[in-house]
Amino acid sequence: MGKDRSGRGFESGAGVSARQPRCWMLRSLAAFGALLAFAGGPAHAESRTLPVPANSGWQHAATGLVLRAKLAGLDRRTLADSGTAELDVVADFATPDQSTVVTFYIFRPALMSVPVWFDRSETQILLREEYRNPRPVADARAFAPPSSDVASALRRSYATGSAAYAATGLAIVPMGEWLVAIRISARDPDPARLDSKLDEVIAAIGWPEGLEDSEPAALVAACPTPLKYSRRAKLQRPNMTDAILGAALSGIVAERADAEAPVDAQPVTFCRDAPGKAEYGVYRNVGDLDRDAYLMAVADAGRTVSVAPSLGALVSGSKGYMLSFSDLDRTLVYPNFDRLPTPDKALETVQSTAPISSTARDGGGGSTITIDTGGE
């Protein structure tokens, strides 16, 4: 069985952290790790094994979630953090004979959306060559996480053509501003038994108490009409106005993500602008489809690229489109485009161009802004 989740291989041009992961999805983005990184962003720590004895439970510091040494008859085999702050933790469990394996990902996504990250994770499963044309065996199902009455999580099971693991399943569960992604695979081809085992696994987790209910979850639908991109879009010259406004907007978004949502806040519903690829999916705000803007969910690991009309236009009246990349702990802002770029062009720019500002997200409702326009 493959052991790499594709989203963990993405790097931005500023050296954004890239998990050298362990798990289970299509590793189509491995080449991203070879891209040149340049000065402009802080270095990130390498993946580390968490020093937890094999017979002891582990508690996630930020959320209080507990993974015991054994879950539903499976032994914990590995426990690792992609950095030093437990923003992106992976744990592998398996039965003694390896007939059933389960992997947990606990991460704080740049975009908090169960539907979007379920869509991305499912896309990785359906595109995985080793699974030999996998197919869903039933409709995706929304369900309420333990200690909640709201069906804010999503799950589905799949039959594969793999000789190693004939069935696999996925669940995405919200936990405040965090997500838990659970993957289970089994040699047993019976999807009902796999689904039942997934129930056992979810019930065996030590879920934190006192979390606010998340919004009800549903599958992402296709957008009614696609965006029209400009293949002639070019980067504009970096300037201080765009750097400051972009960083300020990123700081506001970060503070909102870390704060409790207002009682009257309306949830954002996303639609998919085009069929998903292994590298990314493109999504748009259903409530703002008239606006030339989109968000790319990179692979399946919580990172996003955003393209939207520039805030500088409000100051100078000039046209432009702001480009930003949001990691789990910060957002990088890049020079504006003069026209709406294609998603491929936006991703290429993030991978190869120096950011002009960055906003670090500390998780406590605050942020730190850095400006660098190349000496302007």
Protein backbone atom coordinates (compact mmCIF):
# COMPACT_ATOMS: atom_id res chain seq x y z
CA MET A 1 0.00 0.00 0.00
CA GLY A 2 1.32 3.46 -0.87
CA LYS A 3 2.38 5.59 2.03
CA ASP A 4 2.33 9.19 0.81
CA ARG A 5 -0.40 11.79 0.82
CA SER A 6 0.10 14.08 -2.14
CA GLY A 7 -0.50 17.38 -0.42
CA ARG A 8 2.49 16.94 1.81
CA GLY A 9 4.93 17.47 -1.03
CA PHE A 10 3.97 21.04 -1.94
CA GLU A 11 6.43 23.89 -1.51
CA SER A 12 6.09 27.56 -2.28
CA GLY A 13 8.84 29.75 -3.60
CA ALA A 14 9.48 31.03 -0.08
CA GLY A 15 10.28 27.65 1.39
CA VAL A 16 6.82 26.93 2.78
CA SER A 17 6.85 23.76 4.84
CA ALA A 18 6.43 20.54 2.88
CA ARG A 19 5.66 17.40 4.77
CA GLN A 20 7.65 14.43 3.65
CA PRO A 21 4.68 12.35 4.57
CA ARG A 22 3.86 8.89 5.47
CA CYS A 23 0.54 7.93 4.21
CA TRP A 24 -1.90 6.84 1.74
CA MET A 25 -2.69 9.02 -1.20
CA LEU A 26 -1.45 9.60 -4.71
CA ARG A 27 2.04 11.12 -4.63
CA SER A 28 1.70 13.12 -7.84
CA LEU A 29 3.22 16.26 -6.34
CA ALA A 30 6.56 14.77 -5.33
CA ALA A 31 8.34 16.90 -7.91
CA PHE A 32 7.29 20.05 -6.05
CA GLY A 33 9.84 19.22 -3.37
CA ALA A 34 12.63 19.71 -5.90
CA LEU A 35 11.64 23.26 -6.79
CA LEU A 36 14.08 26.03 -5.93
CA ALA A 37 13.41 27.90 -2.70
CA PHE A 38 14.83 31.35 -2.13
CA ALA A 39 15.34 33.79 0.70
CA GLY A 40 12.20 35.58 1.79
CA GLY A 41 10.45 33.24 4.20
CA PRO A 42 11.51 31.61 7.44
CA ALA A 43 12.84 28.08 7.29
CA HIS A 44 10.52 25.37 8.54
CA ALA A 45 11.48 22.41 10.66
CA GLU A 46 11.74 18.95 9.21
CA SER A 47 9.23 16.27 10.09
CA ARG A 48 9.92 14.80 13.52
CA THR A 49 8.83 11.70 15.36
CA LEU A 50 6.97 12.60 18.54
CA PRO A 51 8.65 11.02 21.59
CA VAL A 52 5.68 9.04 22.90
CA PRO A 53 6.17 5.47 24.25
CA ALA A 54 4.41 2.85 22.14
CA ASN A 55 2.22 1.81 25.09
CA SER A 56 1.18 5.36 26.05
CA GLY A 57 -1.58 7.60 24.79
CA TRP A 58 -0.88 10.98 23.21
CA GLN A 59 -2.84 14.23 23.57
CA HIS A 60 -2.80 16.97 20.94
CA ALA A 61 -1.80 20.12 22.80
CA ALA A 62 -3.98 22.66 20.95
CA THR A 63 -7.24 20.69 20.84
CA GLY A 64 -7.04 18.12 23.64
CA LEU A 65 -7.79 15.22 21.27
CA VAL A 66 -6.34 11.93 22.56
CA LEU A 67 -5.03 9.04 20.46
CA ARG A 68 -4.48 6.02 22.64
CA ALA A 69 -1.83 3.37 22.06
CA LYS A 70 -4.60 1.03 20.84
CA LEU A 71 -7.77 1.98 18.99
CA ALA A 72 -10.49 -0.54 18.15
CA GLY A 73 -8.03 -3.43 18.03
CA LEU A 74 -5.37 -1.53 16.09
CA ASP A 75 -1.90 -0.69 17.44
CA ARG A 76 -0.36 2.72 16.98
CA ARG A 77 2.73 2.30 14.79
CA THR A 78 3.95 5.85 14.13
CA LEU A 79 3.30 9.37 15.39
CA ALA A 80 4.94 12.36 13.68
CA ASP A 81 4.72 16.15 13.39
CA SER A 82 5.62 18.00 10.18
CA GLY A 83 7.15 20.82 12.25
CA THR A 84 7.52 21.85 15.89
CA ALA A 85 4.05 23.22 16.69
CA GLU A 86 1.78 20.20 16.08
CA LEU A 87 -0.03 22.04 13.28
CA ASP A 88 0.08 18.96 11.06
CA VAL A 89 0.30 15.63 12.86
CA VAL A 90 0.02 12.13 11.37
CA ALA A 91 -0.49 8.85 13.21
CA ASP A 92 -0.62 5.35 11.72
CA PHE A 93 -2.46 2.39 13.28
CA ALA A 94 -2.73 -1.22 12.09
CA THR A 95 -3.87 -4.67 13.15
CA PRO A 96 -1.03 -7.11 13.96
CA ASP A 97 -1.44 -8.84 10.58
CA GLN A 98 -1.72 -5.51 8.67
CA SER A 99 -5.11 -6.57 7.30
CA THR A 100 -6.59 -3.23 8.39
CA VAL A 101 -4.68 0.05 8.51
CA VAL A 102 -5.84 3.47 9.68
CA THR A 103 -4.13 6.84 9.35
CA PHE A 104 -5.10 10.02 11.19
CA TYR A 105 -4.20 13.56 10.13
CA ILE A 106 -4.77 16.39 12.60
CA PHE A 107 -4.19 19.81 11.06
CA ARG A 108 -5.30 23.43 11.17
CA PRO A 109 -6.28 24.25 7.58
CA ALA A 110 -5.87 27.63 5.97
CA LEU A 111 -9.52 27.27 4.93
CA MET A 112 -11.93 25.73 7.40
CA SER A 113 -14.31 23.79 5.16
CA VAL A 114 -15.20 20.13 5.59
CA PRO A 115 -16.84 19.95 2.13
CA VAL A 116 -13.78 21.35 0.32
CA TRP A 117 -11.24 19.10 2.07
CA PHE A 118 -13.46 16.06 1.71
CA ASP A 119 -13.71 16.82 -1.99
CA ARG A 120 -9.93 17.11 -2.25
CA SER A 121 -9.27 13.90 -0.30
CA GLU A 122 -11.83 11.96 -2.30
CA THR A 123 -10.29 13.22 -5.54
CA GLN A 124 -6.92 11.82 -4.46
CA ILE A 125 -8.51 8.43 -3.76
CA LEU A 126 -10.37 8.26 -7.08
CA LEU A 127 -7.26 9.24 -9.06
CA ARG A 128 -4.89 6.83 -7.36
CA GLU A 129 -3.51 4.41 -9.93
CA GLU A 130 -2.69 1.72 -7.36
CA TYR A 131 -6.40 1.45 -6.54
CA ARG A 132 -7.20 0.47 -10.14
CA ASN A 133 -10.37 2.43 -10.83
CA PRO A 134 -11.76 2.76 -7.30
CA ARG A 135 -15.45 3.58 -7.00
CA PRO A 136 -17.72 4.81 -4.21
CA VAL A 137 -19.97 2.08 -2.89
CA ALA A 138 -22.62 4.46 -1.56
CA ASP A 139 -23.52 8.12 -1.34
CA ALA A 140 -21.35 10.29 0.88
CA ARG A 141 -22.92 10.63 4.30
CA ALA A 142 -22.92 13.56 6.69
CA PHE A 143 -22.74 12.59 10.36
CA ALA A 144 -22.45 14.24 13.74
CA PRO A 145 -19.06 13.97 15.45
CA PRO A 146 -19.06 12.62 19.01
CA SER A 147 -20.48 15.15 21.53
CA SER A 148 -22.25 17.07 18.74
CA ASP A 149 -25.79 17.03 17.39
CA VAL A 150 -24.91 18.67 14.05
CA ALA A 151 -24.04 16.53 11.00
CA SER A 152 -20.90 18.56 10.28
CA ALA A 153 -18.60 15.68 9.24
CA LEU A 154 -18.50 13.70 5.98
CA ARG A 155 -17.60 10.08 5.20
CA ARG A 156 -17.71 7.55 2.38
CA SER A 157 -16.39 4.07 1.54
CA TYR A 158 -14.88 2.87 -1.73
CA ALA A 159 -14.21 -0.43 -3.44
CA THR A 160 -10.81 -0.74 -5.12
CA GLY A 161 -9.21 -3.04 -7.64
CA SER A 162 -6.12 -3.33 -5.48
CA ALA A 163 -4.88 -6.80 -4.57
CA ALA A 164 -3.45 -5.45 -1.30
CA TYR A 165 -6.45 -3.51 0.05
CA ALA A 166 -9.83 -4.13 -1.55
CA ALA A 167 -11.75 -1.47 0.37
CA THR A 168 -10.91 1.97 1.67
CA GLY A 169 -12.80 4.68 3.50
CA LEU A 170 -12.55 8.37 4.30
CA ALA A 171 -13.92 10.61 7.03
CA ILE A 172 -13.32 14.34 7.56
CA VAL A 173 -14.30 15.59 11.00
CA PRO A 174 -14.25 19.24 12.19
CA MET A 175 -12.87 20.12 15.61
CA GLY A 176 -13.13 23.86 16.17
CA GLU A 177 -10.63 25.48 13.78
CA TRP A 178 -8.98 22.09 13.25
CA LEU A 179 -9.76 19.11 11.02
CA VAL A 180 -9.23 15.40 11.57
CA ALA A 181 -8.90 13.34 8.39
CA ILE A 182 -9.26 9.58 8.90
CA ARG A 183 -8.38 6.98 6.27
CA ILE A 184 -9.04 3.29 6.72
CA SER A 185 -8.11 0.49 4.29
CA ALA A 186 -8.73 -3.24 4.58
CA ARG A 187 -8.07 -6.46 2.72
CA ASP A 188 -11.65 -7.49 3.39
CA PRO A 189 -13.67 -6.30 0.36
CA ASP A 190 -16.96 -5.98 2.29
CA PRO A 191 -17.69 -2.21 2.51
CA ALA A 192 -20.23 -2.75 5.29
CA ARG A 193 -17.57 -4.28 7.53
CA LEU A 194 -15.16 -1.50 6.67
CA ASP A 195 -17.80 1.10 7.51
CA SER A 196 -18.50 -0.63 10.82
CA LYS A 197 -14.80 -0.64 11.67
CA LEU A 198 -14.60 3.06 10.89
CA ASP A 199 -17.44 3.60 13.38
CA GLU A 200 -15.40 1.76 16.03
CA VAL A 201 -12.30 3.80 15.29
CA ILE A 202 -14.14 7.14 15.53
CA ALA A 203 -15.78 6.10 18.79
CA ALA A 204 -12.43 5.05 20.29
CA ILE A 205 -10.80 8.46 19.80
CA GLY A 206 -10.63 10.70 22.86
CA TRP A 207 -12.52 13.66 21.42
CA PRO A 208 -12.29 17.00 23.26
CA GLU A 209 -15.39 18.34 24.96
CA GLY A 210 -16.95 21.77 24.86
CA LEU A 211 -16.34 22.54 21.18
CA GLU A 212 -18.73 24.79 19.32
CA ASP A 213 -20.85 22.97 16.73
CA SER A 214 -19.66 23.39 13.15
CA GLU A 215 -21.92 24.02 10.17
CA PRO A 216 -23.84 21.10 8.60
CA ALA A 217 -21.77 19.50 5.83
CA ALA A 218 -22.72 18.56 2.29
CA LEU A 219 -20.82 17.60 -0.83
CA VAL A 220 -19.40 20.36 -3.02
CA ALA A 221 -21.41 20.85 -6.23
CA ALA A 222 -20.17 22.08 -9.60
CA CYS A 223 -20.44 25.83 -10.23
CA PRO A 224 -23.23 26.76 -12.67
CA THR A 225 -20.85 28.55 -15.06
CA PRO A 226 -17.04 28.45 -15.20
CA LEU A 227 -14.75 31.43 -14.76
CA LYS A 228 -13.06 32.95 -17.78
CA TYR A 229 -9.31 33.19 -17.23
CA SER A 230 -6.81 35.26 -19.18
CA ARG A 231 -3.89 33.32 -20.61
CA ARG A 232 -2.12 36.65 -21.13
CA ALA A 233 -2.11 37.52 -17.44
CA LYS A 234 1.23 38.94 -16.30
CA LEU A 235 2.72 39.89 -12.96
CA GLN A 236 2.84 43.58 -12.20
CA ARG A 237 5.82 45.29 -10.61
CA PRO A 238 5.83 44.83 -6.80
CA ASN A 239 4.82 47.91 -4.85
CA MET A 240 4.43 48.89 -1.23
CA THR A 241 0.68 49.58 -1.44
CA ASP A 242 -0.12 46.07 -2.64
CA ALA A 243 2.21 44.55 -0.04
CA ILE A 244 0.68 46.45 2.87
CA LEU A 245 -2.94 46.00 1.83
CA GLY A 246 -2.42 42.31 1.07
CA ALA A 247 -0.76 41.71 4.43
CA ALA A 248 -3.48 43.66 6.26
CA LEU A 249 -6.22 41.61 4.61
CA SER A 250 -4.37 38.39 5.45
CA GLY A 251 -4.13 39.51 9.07
CA ILE A 252 -7.86 40.17 9.26
CA VAL A 253 -8.62 36.74 7.76
CA ALA A 254 -6.25 35.06 10.21
CA GLU A 255 -7.82 36.78 13.21
CA ARG A 256 -11.31 35.80 12.06
CA ALA A 257 -10.19 32.20 11.62
CA ASP A 258 -8.86 32.08 15.17
CA ALA A 259 -11.85 33.83 16.74
CA GLU A 260 -15.29 32.43 17.46
CA ALA A 261 -17.71 33.15 14.64
CA PRO A 262 -20.38 35.78 15.37
CA VAL A 263 -23.81 34.38 16.07
CA ASP A 264 -25.22 35.96 12.89
CA ALA A 265 -22.27 35.02 10.65
CA GLN A 266 -23.32 33.36 7.40
CA PRO A 267 -21.34 30.26 6.41
CA VAL A 268 -19.54 30.33 3.06
CA THR A 269 -20.65 27.65 0.62
CA PHE A 270 -18.22 26.71 -2.14
CA CYS A 271 -18.80 25.26 -5.59
CA ARG A 272 -16.20 23.52 -7.74
CA ASP A 273 -15.18 25.51 -10.81
CA ALA A 274 -13.86 22.51 -12.77
CA PRO A 275 -13.25 18.79 -12.23
CA GLY A 276 -10.60 18.31 -9.56
CA LYS A 277 -7.00 17.39 -10.37
CA ALA A 278 -4.46 15.66 -8.14
CA GLU A 279 -2.52 18.92 -7.83
CA TYR A 280 -5.42 21.16 -6.86
CA GLY A 281 -9.13 21.89 -6.97
CA VAL A 282 -10.61 25.29 -7.86
CA TYR A 283 -13.51 26.61 -5.76
CA ARG A 284 -15.68 29.71 -5.70
CA ASN A 285 -17.93 31.35 -3.14
CA VAL A 286 -21.51 30.48 -4.16
CA GLY A 287 -22.71 33.78 -2.71
CA ASP A 288 -20.28 35.80 -4.84
CA LEU A 289 -20.22 34.11 -8.24
CA ASP A 290 -20.33 37.41 -10.14
CA ARG A 291 -16.88 38.27 -8.80
CA ASP A 292 -13.76 37.22 -10.72
CA ALA A 293 -12.16 35.38 -7.82
CA TYR A 294 -11.27 31.82 -6.94
CA LEU A 295 -9.58 29.71 -4.31
CA MET A 296 -7.36 26.72 -5.04
CA ALA A 297 -7.19 23.96 -2.44
CA VAL A 298 -3.72 22.51 -3.01
CA ALA A 299 -3.69 18.71 -2.97
CA ASP A 300 -5.48 17.67 0.23
CA ALA A 301 -3.43 18.98 3.13
CA GLY A 302 -5.00 22.28 4.19
CA ARG A 303 -3.03 24.75 2.05
CA THR A 304 -4.71 27.20 -0.33
CA VAL A 305 -3.93 29.67 -3.12
CA SER A 306 -6.28 32.64 -3.49
CA VAL A 307 -6.82 34.97 -6.47
CA ALA A 308 -9.14 37.98 -6.13
CA PRO A 309 -9.46 41.60 -7.30
CA SER A 310 -6.69 43.68 -5.72
CA LEU A 311 -7.41 45.93 -2.79
CA GLY A 312 -4.99 48.41 -4.36
CA ALA A 313 -7.66 49.18 -6.93
CA LEU A 314 -9.66 50.81 -4.15
CA VAL A 315 -6.77 53.19 -3.50
CA SER A 316 -5.31 53.88 -6.95
CA GLY A 317 -8.14 52.85 -9.26
CA SER A 318 -5.82 50.57 -11.20
CA LYS A 319 -6.86 47.05 -12.11
CA GLY A 320 -5.15 44.00 -10.73
CA TYR A 321 -5.60 40.67 -9.03
CA MET A 322 -4.08 39.81 -5.68
CA LEU A 323 -2.36 36.43 -5.36
CA SER A 324 -1.69 34.77 -2.01
CA PHE A 325 -0.67 31.40 -0.64
CA SER A 326 -1.92 30.32 2.80
CA ASP A 327 -0.03 27.69 4.73
CA LEU A 328 -1.15 26.34 8.10
CA ASP A 329 0.71 29.06 9.99
CA ARG A 330 1.03 32.06 7.64
CA THR A 331 -0.10 33.70 4.41
CA LEU A 332 2.29 34.93 1.72
CA VAL A 333 1.24 37.73 -0.67
CA TYR A 334 2.74 37.98 -4.15
CA PRO A 335 2.88 40.75 -6.80
CA ASN A 336 -0.46 41.42 -8.46
CA PHE A 337 -1.49 40.06 -11.83
CA ASP A 338 -2.84 42.52 -14.40
CA ARG A 339 -5.57 40.06 -15.47
CA LEU A 340 -7.23 37.01 -13.94
CA PRO A 341 -4.58 34.25 -14.22
CA THR A 342 -5.28 30.61 -14.89
CA PRO A 343 -4.93 28.31 -11.86
CA ASP A 344 -1.81 26.72 -13.38
CA LYS A 345 -0.22 30.15 -13.75
CA ALA A 346 -1.15 31.12 -10.20
CA LEU A 347 0.36 27.94 -8.78
CA GLU A 348 3.51 28.30 -10.88
CA THR A 349 3.95 31.85 -9.59
CA VAL A 350 3.62 30.79 -5.96
CA GLN A 351 6.26 28.12 -6.53
CA SER A 352 8.77 30.35 -8.29
CA THR A 353 8.29 33.98 -7.21
CA ALA A 354 9.32 35.85 -4.08
CA PRO A 355 6.44 37.09 -1.90
CA ILE A 356 6.15 40.81 -1.19
CA SER A 357 4.64 40.39 2.28
CA SER A 358 3.71 37.71 4.77
CA THR A 359 1.38 37.43 7.73
CA ALA A 360 2.08 34.85 10.42
CA ARG A 361 -0.90 33.30 12.16
CA ASP A 362 -0.27 32.56 15.83
CA GLY A 363 -3.53 30.74 16.58
CA GLY A 364 -4.42 33.12 19.39
CA GLY A 365 -6.25 35.74 17.38
CA GLY A 366 -3.11 37.71 16.55
CA SER A 367 -0.80 38.03 13.58
CA THR A 368 2.68 39.29 12.64
CA ILE A 369 3.23 41.14 9.34
CA THR A 370 6.46 41.28 7.30
CA ILE A 371 6.89 43.49 4.21
CA ASP A 372 9.53 42.93 1.49
CA THR A 373 9.04 44.48 -1.95
CA GLY A 374 12.61 43.98 -3.11
CA GLY A 375 13.94 47.35 -2.03
CA GLU A 376 11.17 49.65 -3.26
